[in-house]
Amino acid sequence: MIKIGGLELDKDAKEVRVEGEPVKLTATEYGILQLLMENAGKVFSIDQIYEKVWNELSFAPENTVSVHIRRIREKIEINPKEPKYLKVVWGIGYKIEKI
């Protein structure tokens, strides 16, 4: 179990909860969130996220990763425009904020 603030990821059950409420994620969204939560505070580039989650070399993955990040934010953030957990580090990549 990984817990950051009100965000919980149960690796055994493959479930995510926000403030105790279950959140439905696709397998890819779950993989991205698990990567970022296991490494809270560490910034991952779009290429790194793509290569670790899709298990293949990245080739112009910007749109693919960005769409998944946006969908994760819509599901886990109270206000996706002002994210509490999933942060962008401009020009570098994404991270889960340590809370």
PDB file of N, CA and C in Angstrom:
ATOM      1  N   MET A   1       0.850  -1.183   0.000  1.00  0.00           N
ATOM      2  CA  MET A   1       0.000   0.000   0.000  1.00  0.00           C
ATOM      3  C   MET A   1       0.892   1.240   0.000  1.00  0.00           C
ATOM      4  N   ILE A   2       0.607   2.153  -0.898  1.00  0.00           N
ATOM      5  CA  ILE A   2       1.305   3.438  -0.940  1.00  0.00           C
ATOM      6  C   ILE A   2       0.276   4.511  -0.622  1.00  0.00           C
ATOM      7  N   LYS A   3       0.590   5.370   0.342  1.00  0.00           N
ATOM      8  CA  LYS A   3      -0.347   6.425   0.733  1.00  0.00           C
ATOM      9  C   LYS A   3       0.364   7.765   0.716  1.00  0.00           C
ATOM     10  N   ILE A   4      -0.216   8.711  -0.017  1.00  0.00           N
ATOM     11  CA  ILE A   4       0.304  10.071  -0.074  1.00  0.00           C
ATOM     12  C   ILE A   4      -0.890  10.995   0.129  1.00  0.00           C
ATOM     13  N   GLY A   5      -0.935  11.631   1.295  1.00  0.00           N
ATOM     14  CA  GLY A   5      -2.100  12.441   1.621  1.00  0.00           C
ATOM     15  C   GLY A   5      -3.345  11.572   1.590  1.00  0.00           C
ATOM     16  N   GLY A   6      -4.375  11.999   0.871  1.00  0.00           N
ATOM     17  CA  GLY A   6      -5.611  11.236   0.744  1.00  0.00           C
ATOM     18  C   GLY A   6      -5.605  10.278  -0.431  1.00  0.00           C
ATOM     19  N   LEU A   7      -4.462  10.142  -1.092  1.00  0.00           N
ATOM     20  CA  LEU A   7      -4.333   9.278  -2.267  1.00  0.00           C
ATOM     21  C   LEU A   7      -3.705   7.953  -1.850  1.00  0.00           C
ATOM     22  N   GLU A   8      -4.399   6.851  -2.131  1.00  0.00           N
ATOM     23  CA  GLU A   8      -3.921   5.520  -1.756  1.00  0.00           C
ATOM     24  C   GLU A   8      -3.871   4.620  -2.977  1.00  0.00           C
ATOM     25  N   LEU A   9      -2.788   3.847  -3.082  1.00  0.00           N
ATOM     26  CA  LEU A   9      -2.649   2.872  -4.154  1.00  0.00           C
ATOM     27  C   LEU A   9      -2.346   1.528  -3.504  1.00  0.00           C
ATOM     28  N   ASP A  10      -3.247   0.580  -3.686  1.00  0.00           N
ATOM     29  CA  ASP A  10      -3.094  -0.770  -3.148  1.00  0.00           C
ATOM     30  C   ASP A  10      -2.531  -1.654  -4.250  1.00  0.00           C
ATOM     31  N   LYS A  11      -1.233  -1.978  -4.146  1.00  0.00           N
ATOM     32  CA  LYS A  11      -0.562  -2.735  -5.196  1.00  0.00           C
ATOM     33  C   LYS A  11      -1.083  -4.166  -5.311  1.00  0.00           C
ATOM     34  N   ASP A  12      -1.485  -4.758  -4.194  1.00  0.00           N
ATOM     35  CA  ASP A  12      -1.982  -6.137  -4.229  1.00  0.00           C
ATOM     36  C   ASP A  12      -3.345  -6.215  -4.908  1.00  0.00           C
ATOM     37  N   ALA A  13      -4.227  -5.299  -4.543  1.00  0.00           N
ATOM     38  CA  ALA A  13      -5.588  -5.311  -5.097  1.00  0.00           C
ATOM     39  C   ALA A  13      -5.678  -4.520  -6.412  1.00  0.00           C
ATOM     40  N   LYS A  14      -4.602  -3.794  -6.759  1.00  0.00           N
ATOM     41  CA  LYS A  14      -4.596  -2.941  -7.960  1.00  0.00           C
ATOM     42  C   LYS A  14      -5.742  -1.937  -7.913  1.00  0.00           C
ATOM     43  N   GLU A  15      -5.894  -1.305  -6.738  1.00  0.00           N
ATOM     44  CA  GLU A  15      -6.960  -0.321  -6.546  1.00  0.00           C
ATOM     45  C   GLU A  15      -6.386   1.019  -6.128  1.00  0.00           C
ATOM     46  N   VAL A  16      -7.093   2.073  -6.512  1.00  0.00           N
ATOM     47  CA  VAL A  16      -6.723   3.428  -6.129  1.00  0.00           C
ATOM     48  C   VAL A  16      -7.922   4.057  -5.437  1.00  0.00           C
ATOM     49  N   ARG A  17      -7.652   4.781  -4.355  1.00  0.00           N
ATOM     50  CA  ARG A  17      -8.707   5.495  -3.631  1.00  0.00           C
ATOM     51  C   ARG A  17      -8.249   6.924  -3.388  1.00  0.00           C
ATOM     52  N   VAL A  18      -9.202   7.837  -3.474  1.00  0.00           N
ATOM     53  CA  VAL A  18      -8.961   9.233  -3.133  1.00  0.00           C
ATOM     54  C   VAL A  18      -9.924   9.585  -2.015  1.00  0.00           C
ATOM     55  N   GLU A  19      -9.373   9.961  -0.877  1.00  0.00           N
ATOM     56  CA  GLU A  19     -10.182  10.264   0.308  1.00  0.00           C
ATOM     57  C   GLU A  19     -11.145   9.115   0.612  1.00  0.00           C
ATOM     58  N   GLY A  20     -10.672   7.876   0.440  1.00  0.00           N
ATOM     59  CA  GLY A  20     -11.463   6.690   0.751  1.00  0.00           C
ATOM     60  C   GLY A  20     -12.397   6.225  -0.349  1.00  0.00           C
ATOM     61  N   GLU A  21     -12.554   7.036  -1.392  1.00  0.00           N
ATOM     62  CA  GLU A  21     -13.458   6.682  -2.495  1.00  0.00           C
ATOM     63  C   GLU A  21     -12.682   5.983  -3.611  1.00  0.00           C
ATOM     64  N   PRO A  22     -13.185   4.839  -4.100  1.00  0.00           N
ATOM     65  CA  PRO A  22     -12.481   4.138  -5.179  1.00  0.00           C
ATOM     66  C   PRO A  22     -12.478   4.948  -6.476  1.00  0.00           C
ATOM     67  N   VAL A  23     -11.380   4.840  -7.206  1.00  0.00           N
ATOM     68  CA  VAL A  23     -11.216   5.530  -8.479  1.00  0.00           C
ATOM     69  C   VAL A  23     -10.917   4.468  -9.535  1.00  0.00           C
ATOM     70  N   LYS A  24     -11.644   4.514 -10.635  1.00  0.00           N
ATOM     71  CA  LYS A  24     -11.421   3.550 -11.715  1.00  0.00           C
ATOM     72  C   LYS A  24     -10.382   4.109 -12.686  1.00  0.00           C
ATOM     73  N   LEU A  25      -9.293   3.359 -12.841  1.00  0.00           N
ATOM     74  CA  LEU A  25      -8.232   3.744 -13.770  1.00  0.00           C
ATOM     75  C   LEU A  25      -8.026   2.628 -14.782  1.00  0.00           C
ATOM     76  N   THR A  26      -7.589   2.995 -15.985  1.00  0.00           N
ATOM     77  CA  THR A  26      -7.192   1.987 -16.960  1.00  0.00           C
ATOM     78  C   THR A  26      -5.867   1.381 -16.492  1.00  0.00           C
ATOM     79  N   ALA A  27      -5.465   0.283 -17.085  1.00  0.00           N
ATOM     80  CA  ALA A  27      -4.200  -0.354 -16.718  1.00  0.00           C
ATOM     81  C   ALA A  27      -3.022   0.596 -16.936  1.00  0.00           C
ATOM     82  N   THR A  28      -3.060   1.354 -18.017  1.00  0.00           N
ATOM     83  CA  THR A  28      -1.981   2.295 -18.306  1.00  0.00           C
ATOM     84  C   THR A  28      -1.971   3.439 -17.305  1.00  0.00           C
ATOM     85  N   GLU A  29      -3.131   3.991 -16.999  1.00  0.00           N
ATOM     86  CA  GLU A  29      -3.219   5.061 -16.001  1.00  0.00           C
ATOM     87  C   GLU A  29      -2.700   4.560 -14.650  1.00  0.00           C
ATOM     88  N   TYR A  30      -3.086   3.350 -14.287  1.00  0.00           N
ATOM     89  CA  TYR A  30      -2.621   2.757 -13.035  1.00  0.00           C
ATOM     90  C   TYR A  30      -1.094   2.624 -13.049  1.00  0.00           C
ATOM     91  N   GLY A  31      -0.544   2.166 -14.162  1.00  0.00           N
ATOM     92  CA  GLY A  31       0.903   2.000 -14.270  1.00  0.00           C
ATOM     93  C   GLY A  31       1.654   3.310 -14.101  1.00  0.00           C
ATOM     94  N   ILE A  32       1.141   4.368 -14.712  1.00  0.00           N
ATOM     95  CA  ILE A  32       1.759   5.692 -14.579  1.00  0.00           C
ATOM     96  C   ILE A  32       1.675   6.162 -13.137  1.00  0.00           C
ATOM     97  N   LEU A  33       0.495   6.040 -12.536  1.00  0.00           N
ATOM     98  CA  LEU A  33       0.312   6.497 -11.163  1.00  0.00           C
ATOM     99  C   LEU A  33       1.186   5.700 -10.195  1.00  0.00           C
ATOM    100  N   GLN A  34       1.273   4.388 -10.399  1.00  0.00           N
ATOM    101  CA  GLN A  34       2.111   3.562  -9.532  1.00  0.00           C
ATOM    102  C   GLN A  34       3.577   3.981  -9.643  1.00  0.00           C
ATOM    103  N   LEU A  35       4.059   4.187 -10.848  1.00  0.00           N
ATOM    104  CA  LEU A  35       5.444   4.629 -11.055  1.00  0.00           C
ATOM    105  C   LEU A  35       5.710   5.924 -10.296  1.00  0.00           C
ATOM    106  N   LEU A  36       4.823   6.889 -10.454  1.00  0.00           N
ATOM    107  CA  LEU A  36       5.035   8.186  -9.827  1.00  0.00           C
ATOM    108  C   LEU A  36       4.892   8.122  -8.303  1.00  0.00           C
ATOM    109  N   MET A  37       3.924   7.334  -7.812  1.00  0.00           N
ATOM    110  CA  MET A  37       3.738   7.244  -6.363  1.00  0.00           C
ATOM    111  C   MET A  37       4.876   6.490  -5.686  1.00  0.00           C
ATOM    112  N   GLU A  38       5.397   5.455  -6.330  1.00  0.00           N
ATOM    113  CA  GLU A  38       6.524   4.712  -5.763  1.00  0.00           C
ATOM    114  C   GLU A  38       7.775   5.584  -5.676  1.00  0.00           C
ATOM    115  N   ASN A  39       7.811   6.623  -6.470  1.00  0.00           N
ATOM    116  CA  ASN A  39       8.969   7.515  -6.527  1.00  0.00           C
ATOM    117  C   ASN A  39       8.547   8.946  -6.218  1.00  0.00           C
ATOM    118  N   ALA A  40       7.702   9.117  -5.203  1.00  0.00           N
ATOM    119  CA  ALA A  40       7.155  10.438  -4.860  1.00  0.00           C
ATOM    120  C   ALA A  40       8.275  11.461  -4.716  1.00  0.00           C
ATOM    121  N   GLY A  41       8.066  12.608  -5.352  1.00  0.00           N
ATOM    122  CA  GLY A  41       9.045  13.687  -5.305  1.00  0.00           C
ATOM    123  C   GLY A  41      10.043  13.647  -6.440  1.00  0.00           C
ATOM    124  N   LYS A  42      10.187  12.496  -7.097  1.00  0.00           N
ATOM    125  CA  LYS A  42      11.120  12.363  -8.220  1.00  0.00           C
ATOM    126  C   LYS A  42      10.418  12.768  -9.510  1.00  0.00           C
ATOM    127  N   VAL A  43      11.113  13.562 -10.325  1.00  0.00           N
ATOM    128  CA  VAL A  43      10.545  14.017 -11.594  1.00  0.00           C
ATOM    129  C   VAL A  43      10.925  13.025 -12.690  1.00  0.00           C
ATOM    130  N   PHE A  44       9.915  12.610 -13.467  1.00  0.00           N
ATOM    131  CA  PHE A  44      10.135  11.729 -14.608  1.00  0.00           C
ATOM    132  C   PHE A  44       9.816  12.481 -15.892  1.00  0.00           C
ATOM    133  N   SER A  45      10.683  12.359 -16.874  1.00  0.00           N
ATOM    134  CA  SER A  45      10.407  12.960 -18.177  1.00  0.00           C
ATOM    135  C   SER A  45       9.331  12.134 -18.883  1.00  0.00           C
ATOM    136  N   ILE A  46       8.747  12.715 -19.904  1.00  0.00           N
ATOM    137  CA  ILE A  46       7.740  11.998 -20.691  1.00  0.00           C
ATOM    138  C   ILE A  46       8.343  10.726 -21.273  1.00  0.00           C
ATOM    139  N   ASP A  47       9.580  10.811 -21.768  1.00  0.00           N
ATOM    140  CA  ASP A  47      10.250   9.625 -22.318  1.00  0.00           C
ATOM    141  C   ASP A  47      10.429   8.544 -21.257  1.00  0.00           C
ATOM    142  N   GLN A  48      10.843   8.934 -20.057  1.00  0.00           N
ATOM    143  CA  GLN A  48      11.033   7.958 -18.980  1.00  0.00           C
ATOM    144  C   GLN A  48       9.721   7.286 -18.604  1.00  0.00           C
ATOM    145  N   ILE A  49       8.660   8.074 -18.497  1.00  0.00           N
ATOM    146  CA  ILE A  49       7.346   7.503 -18.171  1.00  0.00           C
ATOM    147  C   ILE A  49       6.940   6.506 -19.246  1.00  0.00           C
ATOM    148  N   TYR A  50       7.064   6.914 -20.492  1.00  0.00           N
ATOM    149  CA  TYR A  50       6.658   6.041 -21.603  1.00  0.00           C
ATOM    150  C   TYR A  50       7.450   4.737 -21.575  1.00  0.00           C
ATOM    151  N   GLU A  51       8.768   4.839 -21.468  1.00  0.00           N
ATOM    152  CA  GLU A  51       9.611   3.647 -21.517  1.00  0.00           C
ATOM    153  C   GLU A  51       9.354   2.707 -20.341  1.00  0.00           C
ATOM    154  N   LYS A  52       9.089   3.252 -19.147  1.00  0.00           N
ATOM    155  CA  LYS A  52       8.862   2.406 -17.975  1.00  0.00           C
ATOM    156  C   LYS A  52       7.466   1.783 -17.955  1.00  0.00           C
ATOM    157  N   VAL A  53       6.460   2.504 -18.433  1.00  0.00           N
ATOM    158  CA  VAL A  53       5.086   1.989 -18.387  1.00  0.00           C
ATOM    159  C   VAL A  53       4.765   1.123 -19.594  1.00  0.00           C
ATOM    160  N   TRP A  54       5.191   1.547 -20.781  1.00  0.00           N
ATOM    161  CA  TRP A  54       4.887   0.793 -21.991  1.00  0.00           C
ATOM    162  C   TRP A  54       5.941  -0.277 -22.283  1.00  0.00           C
ATOM    163  N   ASN A  55       7.069  -0.233 -21.564  1.00  0.00           N
ATOM    164  CA  ASN A  55       8.165  -1.194 -21.745  1.00  0.00           C
ATOM    165  C   ASN A  55       8.679  -1.243 -23.176  1.00  0.00           C
ATOM    166  N   GLU A  56       8.806  -0.064 -23.782  1.00  0.00           N
ATOM    167  CA  GLU A  56       9.392   0.022 -25.118  1.00  0.00           C
ATOM    168  C   GLU A  56      10.023   1.392 -25.275  1.00  0.00           C
ATOM    169  N   LEU A  57      10.919   1.502 -26.229  1.00  0.00           N
ATOM    170  CA  LEU A  57      11.573   2.775 -26.474  1.00  0.00           C
ATOM    171  C   LEU A  57      10.543   3.802 -26.929  1.00  0.00           C
ATOM    172  N   SER A  58      10.725   5.010 -26.475  1.00  0.00           N
ATOM    173  CA  SER A  58       9.765   6.054 -26.828  1.00  0.00           C
ATOM    174  C   SER A  58      10.097   6.646 -28.186  1.00  0.00           C
ATOM    175  N   PHE A  59       9.043   6.969 -28.908  1.00  0.00           N
ATOM    176  CA  PHE A  59       9.178   7.661 -30.186  1.00  0.00           C
ATOM    177  C   PHE A  59       8.054   8.674 -30.239  1.00  0.00           C
ATOM    178  N   ALA A  60       8.373   9.935 -29.961  1.00  0.00           N
ATOM    179  CA  ALA A  60       7.390  11.026 -29.933  1.00  0.00           C
ATOM    180  C   ALA A  60       6.196  10.684 -29.028  1.00  0.00           C
ATOM    181  N   PRO A  61       6.457  10.402 -27.729  1.00  0.00           N
ATOM    182  CA  PRO A  61       5.372   9.973 -26.835  1.00  0.00           C
ATOM    183  C   PRO A  61       4.600  11.118 -26.177  1.00  0.00           C
ATOM    184  N   GLU A  62       4.914  12.369 -26.532  1.00  0.00           N
ATOM    185  CA  GLU A  62       4.350  13.513 -25.805  1.00  0.00           C
ATOM    186  C   GLU A  62       2.835  13.462 -25.684  1.00  0.00           C
ATOM    187  N   ASN A  63       2.132  13.316 -26.812  1.00  0.00           N
ATOM    188  CA  ASN A  63       0.670  13.317 -26.767  1.00  0.00           C
ATOM    189  C   ASN A  63       0.123  12.131 -25.980  1.00  0.00           C
ATOM    190  N   THR A  64       0.708  10.967 -26.184  1.00  0.00           N
ATOM    191  CA  THR A  64       0.227   9.761 -25.509  1.00  0.00           C
ATOM    192  C   THR A  64       0.299   9.927 -23.999  1.00  0.00           C
ATOM    193  N   VAL A  65       1.457  10.313 -23.493  1.00  0.00           N
ATOM    194  CA  VAL A  65       1.637  10.456 -22.047  1.00  0.00           C
ATOM    195  C   VAL A  65       0.788  11.610 -21.519  1.00  0.00           C
ATOM    196  N   SER A  66       0.768  12.731 -22.223  1.00  0.00           N
ATOM    197  CA  SER A  66       0.007  13.899 -21.772  1.00  0.00           C
ATOM    198  C   SER A  66      -1.480  13.599 -21.626  1.00  0.00           C
ATOM    199  N   VAL A  67      -2.034  12.854 -22.557  1.00  0.00           N
ATOM    200  CA  VAL A  67      -3.457  12.495 -22.488  1.00  0.00           C
ATOM    201  C   VAL A  67      -3.721  11.631 -21.255  1.00  0.00           C
ATOM    202  N   HIS A  68      -2.853  10.662 -21.001  1.00  0.00           N
ATOM    203  CA  HIS A  68      -3.029   9.803 -19.831  1.00  0.00           C
ATOM    204  C   HIS A  68      -2.885  10.605 -18.536  1.00  0.00           C
ATOM    205  N   ILE A  69      -1.925  11.506 -18.486  1.00  0.00           N
ATOM    206  CA  ILE A  69      -1.739  12.346 -17.297  1.00  0.00           C
ATOM    207  C   ILE A  69      -2.995  13.186 -17.054  1.00  0.00           C
ATOM    208  N   ARG A  70      -3.540  13.771 -18.122  1.00  0.00           N
ATOM    209  CA  ARG A  70      -4.750  14.583 -17.987  1.00  0.00           C
ATOM    210  C   ARG A  70      -5.907  13.748 -17.437  1.00  0.00           C
ATOM    211  N   ARG A  71      -6.055  12.540 -17.942  1.00  0.00           N
ATOM    212  CA  ARG A  71      -7.149  11.668 -17.475  1.00  0.00           C
ATOM    213  C   ARG A  71      -6.953  11.253 -16.018  1.00  0.00           C
ATOM    214  N   ILE A  72      -5.710  10.982 -15.633  1.00  0.00           N
ATOM    215  CA  ILE A  72      -5.441  10.642 -14.231  1.00  0.00           C
ATOM    216  C   ILE A  72      -5.810  11.822 -13.343  1.00  0.00           C
ATOM    217  N   ARG A  73      -5.387  13.016 -13.750  1.00  0.00           N
ATOM    218  CA  ARG A  73      -5.700  14.223 -12.963  1.00  0.00           C
ATOM    219  C   ARG A  73      -7.202  14.399 -12.790  1.00  0.00           C
ATOM    220  N   GLU A  74      -7.954  14.177 -13.870  1.00  0.00           N
ATOM    221  CA  GLU A  74      -9.409  14.337 -13.803  1.00  0.00           C
ATOM    222  C   GLU A  74     -10.023  13.369 -12.800  1.00  0.00           C
ATOM    223  N   LYS A  75      -9.370  12.235 -12.591  1.00  0.00           N
ATOM    224  CA  LYS A  75      -9.913  11.208 -11.706  1.00  0.00           C
ATOM    225  C   LYS A  75      -9.445  11.350 -10.254  1.00  0.00           C
ATOM    226  N   ILE A  76      -8.224  11.870 -10.038  1.00  0.00           N
ATOM    227  CA  ILE A  76      -7.698  11.879  -8.665  1.00  0.00           C
ATOM    228  C   ILE A  76      -7.668  13.255  -8.014  1.00  0.00           C
ATOM    229  N   GLU A  77      -7.816  14.299  -8.798  1.00  0.00           N
ATOM    230  CA  GLU A  77      -7.706  15.650  -8.248  1.00  0.00           C
ATOM    231  C   GLU A  77      -9.088  16.256  -8.007  1.00  0.00           C
ATOM    232  N   ILE A  78      -9.240  16.996  -6.910  1.00  0.00           N
ATOM    233  CA  ILE A  78     -10.477  17.718  -6.643  1.00  0.00           C
ATOM    234  C   ILE A  78     -10.644  18.807  -7.694  1.00  0.00           C
ATOM    235  N   ASN A  79      -9.576  19.536  -7.962  1.00  0.00           N
ATOM    236  CA  ASN A  79      -9.570  20.560  -9.004  1.00  0.00           C
ATOM    237  C   ASN A  79      -8.394  20.278  -9.933  1.00  0.00           C
ATOM    238  N   PRO A  80      -8.644  19.594 -11.072  1.00  0.00           N
ATOM    239  CA  PRO A  80      -7.551  19.220 -11.972  1.00  0.00           C
ATOM    240  C   PRO A  80      -6.719  20.411 -12.487  1.00  0.00           C
ATOM    241  N   LYS A  81      -7.304  21.602 -12.496  1.00  0.00           N
ATOM    242  CA  LYS A  81      -6.558  22.775 -12.973  1.00  0.00           C
ATOM    243  C   LYS A  81      -5.562  23.277 -11.925  1.00  0.00           C
ATOM    244  N   GLU A  82      -5.785  22.888 -10.672  1.00  0.00           N
ATOM    245  CA  GLU A  82      -4.850  23.211  -9.581  1.00  0.00           C
ATOM    246  C   GLU A  82      -4.533  21.917  -8.836  1.00  0.00           C
ATOM    247  N   PRO A  83      -3.731  21.049  -9.462  1.00  0.00           N
ATOM    248  CA  PRO A  83      -3.491  19.725  -8.885  1.00  0.00           C
ATOM    249  C   PRO A  83      -2.748  19.761  -7.557  1.00  0.00           C
ATOM    250  N   LYS A  84      -3.181  18.884  -6.675  1.00  0.00           N
ATOM    251  CA  LYS A  84      -2.558  18.727  -5.362  1.00  0.00           C
ATOM    252  C   LYS A  84      -1.487  17.631  -5.412  1.00  0.00           C
ATOM    253  N   TYR A  85      -1.750  16.575  -6.177  1.00  0.00           N
ATOM    254  CA  TYR A  85      -0.869  15.414  -6.208  1.00  0.00           C
ATOM    255  C   TYR A  85       0.023  15.370  -7.450  1.00  0.00           C
ATOM    256  N   LEU A  86      -0.588  15.345  -8.604  1.00  0.00           N
ATOM    257  CA  LEU A  86       0.132  15.127  -9.860  1.00  0.00           C
ATOM    258  C   LEU A  86       0.563  16.461 -10.450  1.00  0.00           C
ATOM    259  N   LYS A  87       1.846  16.743 -10.332  1.00  0.00           N
ATOM    260  CA  LYS A  87       2.381  18.053 -10.713  1.00  0.00           C
ATOM    261  C   LYS A  87       3.209  17.966 -11.986  1.00  0.00           C
ATOM    262  N   VAL A  88       3.161  19.042 -12.753  1.00  0.00           N
ATOM    263  CA  VAL A  88       4.040  19.176 -13.908  1.00  0.00           C
ATOM    264  C   VAL A  88       5.246  19.991 -13.458  1.00  0.00           C
ATOM    265  N   VAL A  89       6.412  19.577 -13.918  1.00  0.00           N
ATOM    266  CA  VAL A  89       7.633  20.350 -13.716  1.00  0.00           C
ATOM    267  C   VAL A  89       7.990  20.848 -15.112  1.00  0.00           C
ATOM    268  N   TRP A  90       7.666  22.104 -15.370  1.00  0.00           N
ATOM    269  CA  TRP A  90       7.735  22.652 -16.727  1.00  0.00           C
ATOM    270  C   TRP A  90       9.087  22.406 -17.376  1.00  0.00           C
ATOM    271  N   GLY A  91       9.025  21.874 -18.593  1.00  0.00           N
ATOM    272  CA  GLY A  91      10.225  21.618 -19.382  1.00  0.00           C
ATOM    273  C   GLY A  91      10.950  20.362 -19.006  1.00  0.00           C
ATOM    274  N   ILE A  92      10.486  19.666 -17.936  1.00  0.00           N
ATOM    275  CA  ILE A  92      11.180  18.466 -17.490  1.00  0.00           C
ATOM    276  C   ILE A  92      10.258  17.249 -17.520  1.00  0.00           C
ATOM    277  N   GLY A  93       9.125  17.315 -16.815  1.00  0.00           N
ATOM    278  CA  GLY A  93       8.247  16.145 -16.778  1.00  0.00           C
ATOM    279  C   GLY A  93       7.190  16.255 -15.701  1.00  0.00           C
ATOM    280  N   TYR A  94       6.916  15.124 -15.049  1.00  0.00           N
ATOM    281  CA  TYR A  94       5.845  15.022 -14.055  1.00  0.00           C
ATOM    282  C   TYR A  94       6.333  14.350 -12.791  1.00  0.00           C
ATOM    283  N   LYS A  95       5.637  14.636 -11.689  1.00  0.00           N
ATOM    284  CA  LYS A  95       5.934  13.981 -10.427  1.00  0.00           C
ATOM    285  C   LYS A  95       4.683  13.946  -9.566  1.00  0.00           C
ATOM    286  N   ILE A  96       4.701  13.057  -8.565  1.00  0.00           N
ATOM    287  CA  ILE A  96       3.701  13.062  -7.508  1.00  0.00           C
ATOM    288  C   ILE A  96       4.329  13.820  -6.358  1.00  0.00           C
ATOM    289  N   GLU A  97       3.613  14.816  -5.877  1.00  0.00           N
ATOM    290  CA  GLU A  97       4.109  15.652  -4.785  1.00  0.00           C
ATOM    291  C   GLU A  97       4.106  14.861  -3.483  1.00  0.00           C
ATOM    292  N   LYS A  98       5.172  14.962  -2.720  1.00  0.00           N
ATOM    293  CA  LYS A  98       5.193  14.378  -1.377  1.00  0.00           C
ATOM    294  C   LYS A  98       4.349  15.265  -0.478  1.00  0.00           C
ATOM    295  N   ILE A  99       3.413  14.649   0.228  1.00  0.00           N
ATOM    296  CA  ILE A  99       2.529  15.433   1.116  1.00  0.00           C
ATOM    297  C   ILE A  99       2.682  14.912   2.537  1.00  0.00           C
TER     298      ILE A  99
END
